[in-house]
């Protein structure tokens, strides 16, 4: 099996906390992946305010890139046989109800070719 990272993006409110109902939906979704023994790392939420960007020339700015309209709000790592399988997992995530989206990337090992 291969490992994939799911990167959660939100375009509405990078500082917003999910409601108890939204949090329960997310936990149910993650629980269904764990029940299949495909959850590698439950990840964490990522701060939008406690962030810095370091650029060439030692230029340091506050926060994530401000030019983008989406903020990375968290991540999760799963294992699956194919990226198509992970896409099907992601389709059931409740983040889409609040304007979010999910980027999926395979985690490459030294033996993998991109």
Protein backbone atom coordinates (compact mmCIF):
# COMPACT_ATOMS: atom_id res chain seq x y z
CA UNK A 1 0.00 0.00 0.00
CA UNK A 2 1.03 3.56 -0.65
CA UNK A 3 0.65 6.54 1.65
CA UNK A 4 -1.17 9.70 0.66
CA UNK A 5 -1.54 13.06 2.36
CA UNK A 6 -4.88 14.83 2.19
CA UNK A 7 -4.42 18.59 2.49
CA UNK A 8 -7.53 20.41 3.62
CA UNK A 9 -8.07 23.90 2.23
CA UNK A 10 -10.68 26.42 3.27
CA UNK A 11 -11.62 29.60 1.46
CA UNK A 12 -14.18 30.97 3.89
CA UNK A 13 -12.64 31.59 7.32
CA UNK A 14 -9.10 30.47 8.18
CA UNK A 15 -9.64 31.31 11.87
CA UNK A 16 -13.07 29.70 12.24
CA UNK A 17 -13.64 26.73 14.49
CA UNK A 18 -16.03 24.00 13.38
CA UNK A 19 -19.36 23.71 15.15
CA UNK A 20 -19.85 20.64 17.38
CA UNK A 21 -21.98 19.10 14.62
CA UNK A 22 -19.32 19.75 11.97
CA UNK A 23 -16.64 18.36 14.24
CA UNK A 24 -18.71 15.20 14.80
CA UNK A 25 -19.19 14.76 11.04
CA UNK A 26 -15.43 15.04 10.52
CA UNK A 27 -14.74 12.56 13.32
CA UNK A 28 -17.26 10.10 11.84
CA UNK A 29 -15.58 10.41 8.45
CA UNK A 30 -12.13 9.85 9.94
CA UNK A 31 -13.49 6.97 12.05
CA UNK A 32 -14.72 5.22 8.91
CA UNK A 33 -11.19 5.37 7.46
CA UNK A 34 -9.67 4.15 10.73
CA UNK A 35 -12.16 1.26 10.81
CA UNK A 36 -10.74 0.13 7.44
CA UNK A 37 -7.23 0.27 8.98
CA UNK A 38 -6.22 2.91 6.42
CA UNK A 39 -5.55 5.84 8.76
CA UNK A 40 -1.80 6.43 9.09
CA UNK A 41 -1.77 9.83 10.85
CA UNK A 42 -4.84 11.75 11.96
CA UNK A 43 -2.97 14.99 11.35
CA UNK A 44 -3.90 18.25 13.01
CA UNK A 45 -5.41 21.60 12.24
CA UNK A 46 -2.91 24.24 11.16
CA UNK A 47 -2.87 27.81 12.46
CA UNK A 48 -3.41 30.67 10.04
CA UNK A 49 -2.30 33.35 12.53
CA UNK A 50 0.75 31.62 14.05
CA UNK A 51 2.52 31.26 10.74
CA UNK A 52 5.53 32.70 8.93
CA UNK A 53 6.76 32.41 5.37
CA UNK A 54 10.51 32.41 4.76
CA UNK A 55 11.54 33.44 1.27
CA UNK A 56 14.86 33.70 -0.57
CA UNK A 57 17.17 36.36 0.78
CA UNK A 58 16.01 35.64 4.35
CA UNK A 59 12.82 37.63 3.83
CA UNK A 60 10.32 36.65 6.52
CA UNK A 61 6.65 37.60 6.32
CA UNK A 62 3.74 36.95 8.65
CA UNK A 63 1.32 34.18 7.84
CA UNK A 64 0.83 32.03 4.79
CA UNK A 65 0.92 33.59 1.35
CA UNK A 66 -1.68 36.35 1.38
CA UNK A 67 -2.13 36.31 -2.40
CA UNK A 68 -3.96 33.01 -2.35
CA UNK A 69 -7.64 32.85 -1.59
CA UNK A 70 -7.46 29.52 0.23
CA UNK A 71 -5.80 28.59 3.47
CA UNK A 72 -4.44 25.20 4.38
CA UNK A 73 -6.39 24.29 7.48
CA UNK A 74 -5.08 20.78 8.18
CA UNK A 75 -3.91 17.44 6.86
CA UNK A 76 -4.39 13.71 7.24
CA UNK A 77 -2.32 10.74 6.05
CA UNK A 78 -3.95 7.56 4.79
CA UNK A 79 -2.80 4.39 3.10
CA UNK A 80 -4.43 2.95 0.00
CA UNK A 81 -3.68 0.93 -3.10
CA UNK A 82 -4.25 3.85 -5.48
CA UNK A 83 -4.94 7.56 -5.63
CA UNK A 84 -8.39 6.71 -7.04
CA UNK A 85 -9.21 4.91 -3.79
CA UNK A 86 -8.19 8.01 -1.82
CA UNK A 87 -10.31 10.22 -4.08
CA UNK A 88 -13.32 8.08 -3.16
CA UNK A 89 -12.47 8.46 0.54
CA UNK A 90 -12.16 12.22 0.15
CA UNK A 91 -15.50 12.57 -1.62
CA UNK A 92 -17.28 11.65 1.62
CA UNK A 93 -15.56 14.37 3.68
CA UNK A 94 -17.90 17.05 5.07
CA UNK A 95 -15.48 19.90 4.31
CA UNK A 96 -17.23 20.46 0.99
CA UNK A 97 -20.34 21.65 2.85
CA UNK A 98 -18.40 24.67 4.16
CA UNK A 99 -16.60 25.68 0.97
CA UNK A 100 -13.46 23.65 1.51
CA UNK A 101 -11.57 21.37 -0.82
CA UNK A 102 -9.03 18.58 -0.46
CA UNK A 103 -5.74 18.20 -2.29
CA UNK A 104 -4.38 14.64 -2.43
CA UNK A 105 -0.70 13.84 -2.87
CA UNK A 106 1.13 10.53 -2.78
CA UNK A 107 3.99 10.50 -0.29
CA UNK A 108 6.98 9.33 -2.29
CA UNK A 109 9.63 6.97 -0.98
CA UNK A 110 13.17 6.83 -2.41
CA UNK A 111 12.06 3.92 -4.63
CA UNK A 112 9.10 5.82 -6.14
CA UNK A 113 9.23 7.74 -9.37
CA UNK A 114 7.01 10.81 -9.66
